Amino acid sequence: MERNFEKEKNELFTKIGKTYNMVLSTSDRENVSSRMVSVISYNEKLYITSMKSEKLEQIEKNPNIALCADTMQIKGNGKILGYASDEKNKEVMMEYKNILPKSFELFASNPEAVLAEFTLVQCKWWKNVPSRDGVIIDFTDKRAVSRV
């Protein structure tokens, strides 16, 4: 059954809020790795900072990523935006500092920290498991449909 895309998208970003702890899965096409990350949500995209790491190397080789938390399964495209301290990343990093000040102080303010951006492609979300209320949000086609 068709659902209102804008309403479902807005509910998803309300659920995520300004920050959310999620499992990020990446792959270099051969190997898949998963790890916990704290994402920030800004302008309908998700962001993380990281030092040089396997996840960044995998995103550079293969931009297809997956995020999972609670009953949300998200597919997206990852993009390395460069060093968090680059002038072009100033707006996002100001938001990062406001949302996660301790993380910013400990990690993101490091000159070697890198900023990655995730653009959502699809979300499968069980909004209410007992009542079987689930939605699939397609960000590419701007559609939302019931899961069952």
C-alpha atoms as a PDB file:
ATOM      1  CA  MET A   1       0.000   0.000   0.000  1.00  0.00           C
ATOM      2  CA  GLU A   2       1.319   3.446  -0.929  1.00  0.00           C
ATOM      3  CA  ARG A   3       2.175   5.788   1.921  1.00  0.00           C
ATOM      4  CA  ASN A   4       3.065   9.464   2.045  1.00  0.00           C
ATOM      5  CA  PHE A   5       6.787   9.725   1.275  1.00  0.00           C
ATOM      6  CA  GLU A   6       7.352  13.119   2.941  1.00  0.00           C
ATOM      7  CA  LYS A   7       5.523  12.042   6.105  1.00  0.00           C
ATOM      8  CA  GLU A   8       7.471   8.770   6.377  1.00  0.00           C
ATOM      9  CA  LYS A   9      10.800  10.460   5.610  1.00  0.00           C
ATOM     10  CA  ASN A  10      10.138  13.122   8.247  1.00  0.00           C
ATOM     11  CA  GLU A  11       9.161  10.477  10.823  1.00  0.00           C
ATOM     12  CA  LEU A  12      12.395   8.601  10.104  1.00  0.00           C
ATOM     13  CA  PHE A  13      14.563  11.682  10.588  1.00  0.00           C
ATOM     14  CA  THR A  14      12.602  12.532  13.737  1.00  0.00           C
ATOM     15  CA  LYS A  15      13.352   9.019  15.044  1.00  0.00           C
ATOM     16  CA  ILE A  16      17.056   9.401  14.226  1.00  0.00           C
ATOM     17  CA  GLY A  17      17.085  12.868  15.748  1.00  0.00           C
ATOM     18  CA  LYS A  18      20.302  14.850  15.688  1.00  0.00           C
ATOM     19  CA  THR A  19      22.423  11.814  16.528  1.00  0.00           C
ATOM     20  CA  TYR A  20      21.985   8.061  16.727  1.00  0.00           C
ATOM     21  CA  ASN A  21      24.238   5.085  17.456  1.00  0.00           C
ATOM     22  CA  MET A  22      24.104   2.664  14.535  1.00  0.00           C
ATOM     23  CA  VAL A  23      25.924  -0.309  13.097  1.00  0.00           C
ATOM     24  CA  LEU A  24      27.715   0.697   9.890  1.00  0.00           C
ATOM     25  CA  SER A  25      28.522  -2.051   7.386  1.00  0.00           C
ATOM     26  CA  THR A  26      30.974  -1.486   4.545  1.00  0.00           C
ATOM     27  CA  SER A  27      32.653  -3.727   2.002  1.00  0.00           C
ATOM     28  CA  ASP A  28      35.659  -3.591  -0.291  1.00  0.00           C
ATOM     29  CA  ARG A  29      33.671  -5.998  -2.534  1.00  0.00           C
ATOM     30  CA  GLU A  30      35.415  -9.050  -1.015  1.00  0.00           C
ATOM     31  CA  ASN A  31      35.108  -8.495   2.732  1.00  0.00           C
ATOM     32  CA  VAL A  32      32.281  -7.024   4.771  1.00  0.00           C
ATOM     33  CA  SER A  33      32.945  -5.240   8.070  1.00  0.00           C
ATOM     34  CA  SER A  34      30.523  -3.865  10.633  1.00  0.00           C
ATOM     35  CA  ARG A  35      31.106  -1.548  13.546  1.00  0.00           C
ATOM     36  CA  MET A  36      29.229   0.827  15.844  1.00  0.00           C
ATOM     37  CA  VAL A  37      29.300   4.502  14.889  1.00  0.00           C
ATOM     38  CA  SER A  38      27.635   7.646  16.148  1.00  0.00           C
ATOM     39  CA  VAL A  39      26.046   9.423  13.204  1.00  0.00           C
ATOM     40  CA  ILE A  40      24.811  12.969  13.107  1.00  0.00           C
ATOM     41  CA  SER A  41      21.829  13.897  10.976  1.00  0.00           C
ATOM     42  CA  TYR A  42      22.043  17.140   9.021  1.00  0.00           C
ATOM     43  CA  ASN A  43      20.038  18.265   5.974  1.00  0.00           C
ATOM     44  CA  GLU A  44      18.621  14.759   5.425  1.00  0.00           C
ATOM     45  CA  LYS A  45      22.053  13.138   5.273  1.00  0.00           C
ATOM     46  CA  LEU A  46      24.047  11.265   7.901  1.00  0.00           C
ATOM     47  CA  TYR A  47      27.679  11.975   8.793  1.00  0.00           C
ATOM     48  CA  ILE A  48      30.505  10.382  10.752  1.00  0.00           C
ATOM     49  CA  THR A  49      34.065  11.338  11.485  1.00  0.00           C
ATOM     50  CA  SER A  50      36.878   8.823  11.630  1.00  0.00           C
ATOM     51  CA  MET A  51      40.611   8.575  11.624  1.00  0.00           C
ATOM     52  CA  LYS A  52      42.188   6.620   8.768  1.00  0.00           C
ATOM     53  CA  SER A  53      40.526   3.235   9.024  1.00  0.00           C
ATOM     54  CA  GLU A  54      39.271   0.152   7.257  1.00  0.00           C
ATOM     55  CA  LYS A  55      35.786   1.661   6.984  1.00  0.00           C
ATOM     56  CA  LEU A  56      37.099   4.704   5.112  1.00  0.00           C
ATOM     57  CA  GLU A  57      39.205   2.535   2.799  1.00  0.00           C
ATOM     58  CA  GLN A  58      36.177   0.353   2.065  1.00  0.00           C
ATOM     59  CA  ILE A  59      33.917   3.357   1.379  1.00  0.00           C
ATOM     60  CA  GLU A  60      36.495   4.688  -1.087  1.00  0.00           C
ATOM     61  CA  LYS A  61      36.554   1.321  -2.908  1.00  0.00           C
ATOM     62  CA  ASN A  62      32.809   0.675  -2.678  1.00  0.00           C
ATOM     63  CA  PRO A  63      30.413   3.490  -1.731  1.00  0.00           C
ATOM     64  CA  ASN A  64      27.510   1.111  -0.946  1.00  0.00           C
ATOM     65  CA  ILE A  65      26.945   1.149   2.805  1.00  0.00           C
ATOM     66  CA  ALA A  66      24.343  -0.157   5.221  1.00  0.00           C
ATOM     67  CA  LEU A  67      23.285   1.209   8.594  1.00  0.00           C
ATOM     68  CA  CYS A  68      21.191  -0.618  11.157  1.00  0.00           C
ATOM     69  CA  ALA A  69      19.691   0.356  14.490  1.00  0.00           C
ATOM     70  CA  ASP A  70      16.695  -0.931  16.381  1.00  0.00           C
ATOM     71  CA  THR A  71      14.210  -1.926  13.666  1.00  0.00           C
ATOM     72  CA  MET A  72      15.680   0.354  10.957  1.00  0.00           C
ATOM     73  CA  GLN A  73      17.682  -1.069   8.067  1.00  0.00           C
ATOM     74  CA  ILE A  74      19.178   1.630   5.855  1.00  0.00           C
ATOM     75  CA  LYS A  75      20.980   1.321   2.522  1.00  0.00           C
ATOM     76  CA  GLY A  76      22.946   4.284   1.270  1.00  0.00           C
ATOM     77  CA  ASN A  77      25.891   5.708  -0.569  1.00  0.00           C
ATOM     78  CA  GLY A  78      28.969   6.801   1.327  1.00  0.00           C
ATOM     79  CA  LYS A  79      31.283   9.585   0.268  1.00  0.00           C
ATOM     80  CA  ILE A  80      34.548  10.708   1.840  1.00  0.00           C
ATOM     81  CA  LEU A  81      34.426  14.511   2.076  1.00  0.00           C
ATOM     82  CA  GLY A  82      38.055  14.982   3.116  1.00  0.00           C
ATOM     83  CA  TYR A  83      39.512  16.157   6.369  1.00  0.00           C
ATOM     84  CA  ALA A  84      36.962  17.301   8.925  1.00  0.00           C
ATOM     85  CA  SER A  85      38.990  20.503   9.327  1.00  0.00           C
ATOM     86  CA  ASP A  86      38.758  21.420   5.605  1.00  0.00           C
ATOM     87  CA  GLU A  87      37.039  24.756   5.007  1.00  0.00           C
ATOM     88  CA  LYS A  88      34.451  23.065   2.744  1.00  0.00           C
ATOM     89  CA  ASN A  89      33.326  20.928   5.731  1.00  0.00           C
ATOM     90  CA  LYS A  90      33.033  23.808   8.202  1.00  0.00           C
ATOM     91  CA  GLU A  91      29.206  23.978   8.209  1.00  0.00           C
ATOM     92  CA  VAL A  92      28.751  20.256   8.910  1.00  0.00           C
ATOM     93  CA  MET A  93      31.507  20.254  11.510  1.00  0.00           C
ATOM     94  CA  MET A  94      29.940  23.185  13.376  1.00  0.00           C
ATOM     95  CA  GLU A  95      26.756  21.120  13.578  1.00  0.00           C
ATOM     96  CA  TYR A  96      28.805  18.078  14.680  1.00  0.00           C
ATOM     97  CA  LYS A  97      30.412  20.131  17.446  1.00  0.00           C
ATOM     98  CA  ASN A  98      26.989  21.337  18.657  1.00  0.00           C
ATOM     99  CA  ILE A  99      25.461  17.841  18.617  1.00  0.00           C
ATOM    100  CA  LEU A 100      28.391  15.748  19.910  1.00  0.00           C
ATOM    101  CA  PRO A 101      30.716  18.145  21.772  1.00  0.00           C
ATOM    102  CA  LYS A 102      32.640  15.416  23.655  1.00  0.00           C
ATOM    103  CA  SER A 103      33.196  13.374  20.493  1.00  0.00           C
ATOM    104  CA  PHE A 104      34.251  16.513  18.658  1.00  0.00           C
ATOM    105  CA  GLU A 105      36.747  17.347  21.387  1.00  0.00           C
ATOM    106  CA  LEU A 106      38.183  13.818  21.556  1.00  0.00           C
ATOM    107  CA  PHE A 107      38.207  12.841  17.875  1.00  0.00           C
ATOM    108  CA  ALA A 108      36.747  15.185  15.278  1.00  0.00           C
ATOM    109  CA  SER A 109      38.954  18.135  16.174  1.00  0.00           C
ATOM    110  CA  ASN A 110      42.061  16.055  15.360  1.00  0.00           C
ATOM    111  CA  PRO A 111      43.667  17.394  12.152  1.00  0.00           C
ATOM    112  CA  GLU A 112      43.765  13.826  10.782  1.00  0.00           C
ATOM    113  CA  ALA A 113      40.016  13.230  11.289  1.00  0.00           C
ATOM    114  CA  VAL A 114      38.070  12.567   8.088  1.00  0.00           C
ATOM    115  CA  LEU A 115      34.398  13.394   7.442  1.00  0.00           C
ATOM    116  CA  ALA A 116      32.162  10.893   5.626  1.00  0.00           C
ATOM    117  CA  GLU A 117      28.676  11.588   4.315  1.00  0.00           C
ATOM    118  CA  PHE A 118      25.897   9.037   3.812  1.00  0.00           C
ATOM    119  CA  THR A 119      23.063   9.687   1.384  1.00  0.00           C
ATOM    120  CA  LEU A 120      20.088   7.443   2.074  1.00  0.00           C
ATOM    121  CA  VAL A 121      18.823   5.224  -0.753  1.00  0.00           C
ATOM    122  CA  GLN A 122      16.312   3.007   1.059  1.00  0.00           C
ATOM    123  CA  CYS A 123      15.054   2.381   4.567  1.00  0.00           C
ATOM    124  CA  LYS A 124      13.107  -0.651   5.756  1.00  0.00           C
ATOM    125  CA  TRP A 125      11.640   0.179   9.122  1.00  0.00           C
ATOM    126  CA  TRP A 126       9.329  -1.692  11.459  1.00  0.00           C
ATOM    127  CA  LYS A 127       7.752   1.294  13.166  1.00  0.00           C
ATOM    128  CA  ASN A 128       5.605  -0.915  15.417  1.00  0.00           C
ATOM    129  CA  VAL A 129       6.394  -4.641  15.369  1.00  0.00           C
ATOM    130  CA  PRO A 130       3.361  -5.938  17.350  1.00  0.00           C
ATOM    131  CA  SER A 131       0.917  -4.178  15.036  1.00  0.00           C
ATOM    132  CA  ARG A 132       3.031  -5.130  11.973  1.00  0.00           C
ATOM    133  CA  ASP A 133       3.347  -1.464  10.975  1.00  0.00           C
ATOM    134  CA  GLY A 134       6.327  -1.350   8.684  1.00  0.00           C
ATOM    135  CA  VAL A 135       7.389   0.921   5.866  1.00  0.00           C
ATOM    136  CA  ILE A 136       9.876   0.840   3.000  1.00  0.00           C
ATOM    137  CA  ILE A 137      11.081   4.327   2.126  1.00  0.00           C
ATOM    138  CA  ASP A 138      12.682   4.686  -1.318  1.00  0.00           C
ATOM    139  CA  PHE A 139      14.688   7.911  -1.339  1.00  0.00           C
ATOM    140  CA  THR A 140      15.643   7.559  -5.007  1.00  0.00           C
ATOM    141  CA  ASP A 141      12.095   7.334  -6.346  1.00  0.00           C
ATOM    142  CA  LYS A 142      10.623   9.355  -3.444  1.00  0.00           C
ATOM    143  CA  ARG A 143       8.091   6.643  -2.616  1.00  0.00           C
ATOM    144  CA  ALA A 144       6.980   4.929   0.564  1.00  0.00           C
ATOM    145  CA  VAL A 145       5.037   1.666   0.794  1.00  0.00           C
ATOM    146  CA  SER A 146       3.863  -0.601   3.604  1.00  0.00           C
ATOM    147  CA  ARG A 147       6.134  -3.570   4.377  1.00  0.00           C
ATOM    148  CA  VAL A 148       3.230  -6.024   4.567  1.00  0.00           C
END
